[in-house]
C-alpha atoms as a PDB file:
ATOM      1  CA  VAL A   1     -28.090 124.510 -66.993  1.00  0.00           C
ATOM      2  CA  THR A   2     -30.681 122.549 -64.985  1.00  0.00           C
ATOM      3  CA  ILE A   3     -33.641 124.449 -64.247  1.00  0.00           C
ATOM      4  CA  ASP A   4     -36.043 123.930 -61.532  1.00  0.00           C
ATOM      5  CA  ALA A   5     -38.841 126.895 -61.433  1.00  0.00           C
ATOM      6  CA  GLU A   6     -42.478 127.749 -60.469  1.00  0.00           C
ATOM      7  CA  ILE A   7     -44.038 129.638 -63.288  1.00  0.00           C
ATOM      8  CA  LEU A   8     -46.106 132.263 -62.614  1.00  0.00           C
ATOM      9  CA  PRO A   9     -48.962 133.055 -65.073  1.00  0.00           C
ATOM     10  CA  SER A  10     -46.788 133.583 -67.902  1.00  0.00           C
ATOM     11  CA  ILE A  11     -47.756 133.679 -72.208  1.00  0.00           C
ATOM     12  CA  VAL A  12     -46.349 130.983 -74.513  1.00  0.00           C
ATOM     13  CA  CYS A  13     -46.795 131.632 -78.139  1.00  0.00           C
ATOM     14  CA  SER A  14     -45.243 129.573 -81.043  1.00  0.00           C
ATOM     15  CA  LYS A  15     -43.834 132.878 -82.632  1.00  0.00           C
ATOM     16  CA  THR A  16     -41.444 132.825 -79.971  1.00  0.00           C
ATOM     17  CA  ILE A  17     -40.710 129.587 -79.575  1.00  0.00           C
ATOM     18  CA  SER A  18     -39.932 129.471 -83.218  1.00  0.00           C
ATOM     19  CA  TYR A  19     -36.632 131.395 -82.716  1.00  0.00           C
ATOM     20  CA  PHE A  20     -34.779 128.202 -81.211  1.00  0.00           C
ATOM     21  CA  ALA A  21     -37.359 125.391 -82.562  1.00  0.00           C
ATOM     22  CA  ARG A  22     -37.553 126.160 -86.595  1.00  0.00           C
ATOM     23  CA  GLY A  23     -40.004 123.391 -87.208  1.00  0.00           C
ATOM     24  CA  MET A  24     -42.532 125.323 -85.511  1.00  0.00           C
ATOM     25  CA  LYS A  25     -42.359 128.494 -87.721  1.00  0.00           C
ATOM     26  CA  LYS A  26     -45.321 128.135 -89.249  1.00  0.00           C
ATOM     27  CA  MET A  27     -47.311 127.413 -86.444  1.00  0.00           C
ATOM     28  CA  ASP A  28     -49.652 129.594 -84.239  1.00  0.00           C
ATOM     29  CA  PHE A  29     -50.875 129.139 -80.944  1.00  0.00           C
ATOM     30  CA  ASP A  30     -50.885 131.612 -77.968  1.00  0.00           C
ATOM     31  CA  VAL A  31     -51.476 130.153 -74.349  1.00  0.00           C
ATOM     32  CA  ASP A  32     -51.353 131.120 -70.852  1.00  0.00           C
ATOM     33  CA  VAL A  33     -49.562 129.098 -68.478  1.00  0.00           C
ATOM     34  CA  GLU A  34     -48.918 128.433 -65.066  1.00  0.00           C
ATOM     35  CA  GLY A  35     -47.005 125.689 -63.087  1.00  0.00           C
ATOM     36  CA  GLU A  36     -43.419 123.803 -62.269  1.00  0.00           C
ATOM     37  CA  TYR A  37     -40.747 123.301 -64.799  1.00  0.00           C
ATOM     38  CA  HIS A  38     -38.120 120.864 -64.135  1.00  0.00           C
ATOM     39  CA  GLY A  39     -35.062 119.956 -66.261  1.00  0.00           C
ATOM     40  CA  PHE A  40     -33.211 121.368 -69.402  1.00  0.00           C
ATOM     41  CA  VAL A  41     -34.481 123.061 -72.322  1.00  0.00           C
ATOM     42  CA  SER A  42     -34.223 120.402 -74.344  1.00  0.00           C
ATOM     43  CA  ASP A  43     -35.111 117.756 -71.846  1.00  0.00           C
ATOM     44  CA  PHE A  44     -37.768 118.680 -69.035  1.00  0.00           C
ATOM     45  CA  ARG A  45     -40.700 117.617 -66.853  1.00  0.00           C
ATOM     46  CA  LEU A  46     -43.928 119.765 -66.217  1.00  0.00           C
ATOM     47  CA  ASP A  47     -45.740 119.719 -62.904  1.00  0.00           C
ATOM     48  CA  GLY A  48     -49.166 120.520 -62.734  1.00  0.00           C
ATOM     49  CA  MET A  49     -48.986 123.254 -65.817  1.00  0.00           C
ATOM     50  CA  SER A  50     -52.445 124.457 -66.358  1.00  0.00           C
ATOM     51  CA  PHE A  51     -52.915 126.198 -69.794  1.00  0.00           C
ATOM     52  CA  ARG A  52     -55.480 128.260 -71.600  1.00  0.00           C
ATOM     53  CA  ASN A  53     -55.698 129.047 -75.291  1.00  0.00           C
ATOM     54  CA  ARG A  54     -56.015 132.959 -75.602  1.00  0.00           C
ATOM     55  CA  ASN A  55     -57.852 132.868 -78.320  1.00  0.00           C
ATOM     56  CA  ASP A  56     -60.904 131.096 -76.910  1.00  0.00           C
ATOM     57  CA  ASP A  57     -61.788 128.962 -73.886  1.00  0.00           C
ATOM     58  CA  LEU A  58     -59.734 125.838 -74.309  1.00  0.00           C
ATOM     59  CA  HIS A  59     -57.971 124.704 -71.211  1.00  0.00           C
ATOM     60  CA  GLY A  60     -56.237 121.957 -69.191  1.00  0.00           C
ATOM     61  CA  VAL A  61     -53.570 120.848 -66.795  1.00  0.00           C
ATOM     62  CA  VAL A  62     -50.239 118.639 -68.005  1.00  0.00           C
ATOM     63  CA  THR A  63     -47.964 116.674 -65.933  1.00  0.00           C
ATOM     64  CA  GLY A  64     -45.206 114.870 -67.865  1.00  0.00           C
ATOM     65  CA  ARG A  65     -42.195 115.092 -69.427  1.00  0.00           C
ATOM     66  CA  LEU A  66     -41.109 116.321 -73.081  1.00  0.00           C
ATOM     67  CA  SER A  67     -37.701 116.054 -74.739  1.00  0.00           C
ATOM     68  CA  GLY A  68     -35.926 116.426 -78.225  1.00  0.00           C
ATOM     69  CA  LEU A  69     -36.096 120.221 -78.708  1.00  0.00           C
ATOM     70  CA  PRO A  70     -35.300 121.993 -80.569  1.00  0.00           C
ATOM     71  CA  ASN A  71     -35.465 119.322 -83.328  1.00  0.00           C
ATOM     72  CA  MET A  72     -39.335 118.836 -84.280  1.00  0.00           C
ATOM     73  CA  GLN A  73     -38.518 115.374 -85.624  1.00  0.00           C
ATOM     74  CA  ASP A  74     -36.877 114.371 -82.230  1.00  0.00           C
ATOM     75  CA  ILE A  75     -39.548 115.583 -79.951  1.00  0.00           C
ATOM     76  CA  ARG A  76     -41.012 113.096 -77.599  1.00  0.00           C
ATOM     77  CA  VAL A  77     -43.919 113.514 -74.861  1.00  0.00           C
ATOM     78  CA  ASP A  78     -45.104 111.218 -72.113  1.00  0.00           C
ATOM     79  CA  ALA A  79     -48.020 113.168 -70.237  1.00  0.00           C
ATOM     80  CA  ASP A  80     -51.080 112.897 -68.394  1.00  0.00           C
ATOM     81  CA  ILE A  81     -53.929 115.660 -69.355  1.00  0.00           C
ATOM     82  CA  THR A  82     -56.568 116.461 -66.621  1.00  0.00           C
ATOM     83  CA  ASP A  83     -59.024 118.908 -66.756  1.00  0.00           C
ATOM     84  CA  LEU A  84     -59.198 119.582 -70.298  1.00  0.00           C
ATOM     85  CA  ASN A  85     -62.125 121.332 -71.483  1.00  0.00           C
ATOM     86  CA  PHE A  86     -63.022 122.067 -75.135  1.00  0.00           C
ATOM     87  CA  ASN A  87     -65.818 122.491 -77.686  1.00  0.00           C
ATOM     88  CA  LEU A  88     -65.002 120.840 -81.164  1.00  0.00           C
ATOM     89  CA  GLU A  89     -64.349 124.401 -82.659  1.00  0.00           C
ATOM     90  CA  GLU A  90     -61.844 125.128 -80.305  1.00  0.00           C
ATOM     91  CA  LEU A  91     -60.026 121.438 -80.659  1.00  0.00           C
ATOM     92  CA  THR A  92     -60.274 122.785 -84.275  1.00  0.00           C
ATOM     93  CA  GLY A  93     -58.363 125.904 -83.824  1.00  0.00           C
ATOM     94  CA  LEU A  94     -55.497 124.613 -81.923  1.00  0.00           C
ATOM     95  CA  ILE A  95     -54.960 121.225 -84.087  1.00  0.00           C
ATOM     96  CA  LYS A  96     -54.987 123.775 -87.063  1.00  0.00           C
ATOM     97  CA  GLY A  97     -52.201 125.928 -85.039  1.00  0.00           C
ATOM     98  CA  ILE A  98     -50.120 122.840 -84.484  1.00  0.00           C
ATOM     99  CA  VAL A  99     -50.522 121.251 -88.040  1.00  0.00           C
ATOM    100  CA  PRO A 100     -51.243 124.351 -90.647  1.00  0.00           C
ATOM    101  CA  GLY A 101     -53.249 123.812 -93.398  1.00  0.00           C
ATOM    102  CA  LEU A 102     -55.075 120.578 -91.983  1.00  0.00           C
ATOM    103  CA  GLY A 103     -58.484 120.084 -94.108  1.00  0.00           C
ATOM    104  CA  ALA A 104     -60.238 118.484 -90.892  1.00  0.00           C
ATOM    105  CA  ASP A 105     -63.348 121.196 -89.527  1.00  0.00           C
ATOM    106  CA  LEU A 106     -64.507 119.405 -86.697  1.00  0.00           C
ATOM    107  CA  GLY A 107     -65.923 122.805 -85.429  1.00  0.00           C
ATOM    108  CA  ARG A 108     -69.182 122.028 -87.539  1.00  0.00           C
ATOM    109  CA  PHE A 109     -70.242 119.530 -85.232  1.00  0.00           C
ATOM    110  CA  ALA A 110     -71.417 119.236 -81.368  1.00  0.00           C
ATOM    111  CA  LYS A 111     -72.239 123.073 -81.758  1.00  0.00           C
ATOM    112  CA  GLY A 112     -72.778 124.343 -78.392  1.00  0.00           C
ATOM    113  CA  GLN A 113     -71.508 121.450 -76.656  1.00  0.00           C
ATOM    114  CA  ARG A 114     -68.579 121.149 -74.459  1.00  0.00           C
ATOM    115  CA  PHE A 115     -66.532 118.436 -73.137  1.00  0.00           C
ATOM    116  CA  ASP A 116     -64.357 116.997 -70.476  1.00  0.00           C
ATOM    117  CA  PHE A 117     -61.373 114.859 -70.891  1.00  0.00           C
ATOM    118  CA  VAL A 118     -58.681 113.073 -68.931  1.00  0.00           C
ATOM    119  CA  GLY A 119     -56.015 110.849 -70.465  1.00  0.00           C
ATOM    120  CA  LYS A 120     -52.619 110.249 -71.759  1.00  0.00           C
ATOM    121  CA  VAL A 121     -50.543 111.063 -74.455  1.00  0.00           C
ATOM    122  CA  LYS A 122     -47.079 109.481 -75.252  1.00  0.00           C
ATOM    123  CA  GLY A 123     -44.820 109.032 -78.330  1.00  0.00           C
ATOM    124  CA  SER A 124     -43.148 111.311 -80.701  1.00  0.00           C
ATOM    125  CA  LEU A 125     -45.056 114.011 -82.866  1.00  0.00           C
ATOM    126  CA  ASN A 126     -45.305 111.649 -86.035  1.00  0.00           C
ATOM    127  CA  LYS A 127     -46.720 108.627 -83.954  1.00  0.00           C
ATOM    128  CA  LEU A 128     -48.576 109.666 -80.583  1.00  0.00           C
ATOM    129  CA  ALA A 129     -50.964 107.591 -78.810  1.00  0.00           C
ATOM    130  CA  VAL A 130     -53.735 109.281 -76.921  1.00  0.00           C
ATOM    131  CA  GLN A 131     -55.920 107.208 -74.384  1.00  0.00           C
ATOM    132  CA  GLY A 132     -58.507 108.625 -71.805  1.00  0.00           C
ATOM    133  CA  ARG A 133     -62.087 109.072 -71.518  1.00  0.00           C
ATOM    134  CA  GLY A 134     -64.341 112.127 -72.195  1.00  0.00           C
ATOM    135  CA  SER A 135     -67.846 113.175 -71.109  1.00  0.00           C
ATOM    136  CA  SER A 136     -70.530 115.917 -71.644  1.00  0.00           C
ATOM    137  CA  ALA A 137     -73.936 116.537 -71.238  1.00  0.00           C
ATOM    138  CA  ILE A 138     -74.960 114.425 -74.259  1.00  0.00           C
ATOM    139  CA  GLY A 139     -72.895 111.532 -73.601  1.00  0.00           C
ATOM    140  CA  ASP A 140     -69.411 110.095 -72.978  1.00  0.00           C
ATOM    141  CA  PHE A 141     -66.709 108.575 -74.338  1.00  0.00           C
ATOM    142  CA  ARG A 142     -63.319 106.463 -74.554  1.00  0.00           C
ATOM    143  CA  THR A 143     -60.400 106.672 -76.918  1.00  0.00           C
ATOM    144  CA  GLU A 144     -57.397 104.739 -77.774  1.00  0.00           C
ATOM    145  CA  LEU A 145     -56.009 106.334 -80.704  1.00  0.00           C
ATOM    146  CA  ASP A 146     -52.659 106.620 -82.579  1.00  0.00           C
ATOM    147  CA  LEU A 147     -52.044 109.913 -84.656  1.00  0.00           C
ATOM    148  CA  LEU A 148     -49.488 109.551 -87.105  1.00  0.00           C
ATOM    149  CA  ASN A 149     -47.462 111.989 -89.336  1.00  0.00           C
ATOM    150  CA  ALA A 150     -49.044 115.261 -87.592  1.00  0.00           C
ATOM    151  CA  ILE A 151     -45.620 116.913 -88.481  1.00  0.00           C
ATOM    152  CA  ASP A 152     -44.747 114.787 -91.662  1.00  0.00           C
ATOM    153  CA  ARG A 153     -44.362 117.345 -94.474  1.00  0.00           C
ATOM    154  CA  HIS A 154     -44.483 114.330 -97.142  1.00  0.00           C
ATOM    155  CA  ARG A 155     -47.269 112.073 -95.840  1.00  0.00           C
ATOM    156  CA  PRO A 156     -50.933 112.987 -94.657  1.00  0.00           C
ATOM    157  CA  MET A 157     -51.824 112.881 -91.056  1.00  0.00           C
ATOM    158  CA  GLN A 158     -53.666 109.388 -90.087  1.00  0.00           C
ATOM    159  CA  ILE A 159     -55.865 108.555 -87.161  1.00  0.00           C
ATOM    160  CA  SER A 160     -56.521 105.162 -85.984  1.00  0.00           C
ATOM    161  CA  GLY A 161     -57.654 103.098 -83.192  1.00  0.00           C
ATOM    162  CA  ASN A 162     -60.793 102.433 -80.818  1.00  0.00           C
ATOM    163  CA  LEU A 163     -63.685 104.695 -79.852  1.00  0.00           C
ATOM    164  CA  ASN A 164     -66.359 103.804 -77.373  1.00  0.00           C
ATOM    165  CA  THR A 165     -69.417 106.069 -76.612  1.00  0.00           C
ATOM    166  CA  SER A 166     -71.822 105.592 -73.868  1.00  0.00           C
ATOM    167  CA  SER A 167     -75.202 107.038 -74.522  1.00  0.00           C
ATOM    168  CA  LEU A 168     -73.514 109.957 -76.785  1.00  0.00           C
ATOM    169  CA  ASP A 169     -76.232 111.504 -78.476  1.00  0.00           C
ATOM    170  CA  VAL A 170     -74.853 111.250 -82.063  1.00  0.00           C
ATOM    171  CA  GLY A 171     -78.056 113.622 -83.651  1.00  0.00           C
ATOM    172  CA  LYS A 172     -77.051 116.636 -81.462  1.00  0.00           C
ATOM    173  CA  ILE A 173     -73.245 116.082 -83.022  1.00  0.00           C
ATOM    174  CA  THR A 174     -74.389 115.891 -86.335  1.00  0.00           C
ATOM    175  CA  GLY A 175     -77.021 118.711 -86.028  1.00  0.00           C
ATOM    176  CA  SER A 176     -79.536 115.521 -87.411  1.00  0.00           C
ATOM    177  CA  GLY A 177     -82.521 114.690 -85.169  1.00  0.00           C
ATOM    178  CA  LYS A 178     -82.832 111.335 -86.837  1.00  0.00           C
ATOM    179  CA  ILE A 179     -80.158 109.719 -84.600  1.00  0.00           C
ATOM    180  CA  GLY A 180     -80.081 109.716 -80.790  1.00  0.00           C
ATOM    181  CA  PRO A 181     -78.142 108.190 -78.052  1.00  0.00           C
ATOM    182  CA  LEU A 182     -75.761 105.517 -79.160  1.00  0.00           C
ATOM    183  CA  THR A 183     -73.602 103.077 -77.353  1.00  0.00           C
ATOM    184  CA  MET A 184     -71.027 101.684 -79.250  1.00  0.00           C
ATOM    185  CA  PHE A 185     -67.539  99.735 -79.430  1.00  0.00           C
ATOM    186  CA  THR A 186     -65.959 100.818 -83.151  1.00  0.00           C
ATOM    187  CA  ARG A 187     -62.643 100.686 -84.664  1.00  0.00           C
ATOM    188  CA  VAL A 188     -61.998 103.749 -86.759  1.00  0.00           C
ATOM    189  CA  GLY A 189     -59.390 104.939 -89.291  1.00  0.00           C
ATOM    190  CA  ALA A 190     -59.218 108.245 -91.305  1.00  0.00           C
ATOM    191  CA  THR A 191     -56.578 109.843 -93.400  1.00  0.00           C
ATOM    192  CA  LEU A 192     -56.539 113.868 -93.078  1.00  0.00           C
ATOM    193  CA  ALA A 193     -54.635 115.170 -96.178  1.00  0.00           C
ATOM    194  CA  ILE A 194     -53.633 118.448 -95.838  1.00  0.00           C
ATOM    195  CA  GLY A 195     -55.378 120.715 -98.976  1.00  0.00           C
ATOM    196  CA  GLY A 196     -57.690 117.766 -99.003  1.00  0.00           C
ATOM    197  CA  PRO A 197     -61.514 117.692 -98.542  1.00  0.00           C
ATOM    198  CA  GLN A 198     -63.160 118.726 -95.715  1.00  0.00           C
ATOM    199  CA  VAL A 199     -64.769 116.504 -93.186  1.00  0.00           C
ATOM    200  CA  VAL A 200     -68.450 116.743 -93.483  1.00  0.00           C
END
């Protein structure tokens, strides 16, 4: 059955989705959504789908394709993200809702600072490429990152790629007054083991 629908303001929660996608049983998220849906249950396109986390003020708009449901290992995404607005505490909460038990806690950084992001995500949930640019009152950044093993139960999540900053106030991010605005190009790599040490 092909579905073409304009979705009026609705709620999507992981508990409901987990009934037909068992791999999402341990996930925990609730979002308000509104936009257009085209395709099948297992292979569909979202057009201008706005979302807002019901637990905080993280919000944005997604346009793109998602396929492979209900098997989490088969899910592939190819989407543009616009108007994404968040702070790092909200972003951490969303990530941990999708990847339960993840040790990284970005919420301790950039306290009180909000970021805007525009970019693209493409790939499977275990090999997801994220490219885009972000801005904030404390500076700007660009990313070309690969996120690996996000839903792999046997291997830790890994992040690698390029991160560029433009007058990004590192002191305000870390809470230290010893470092000011920084413009740099760097190659990053990190392993975020479930149950491992916190990022400090």
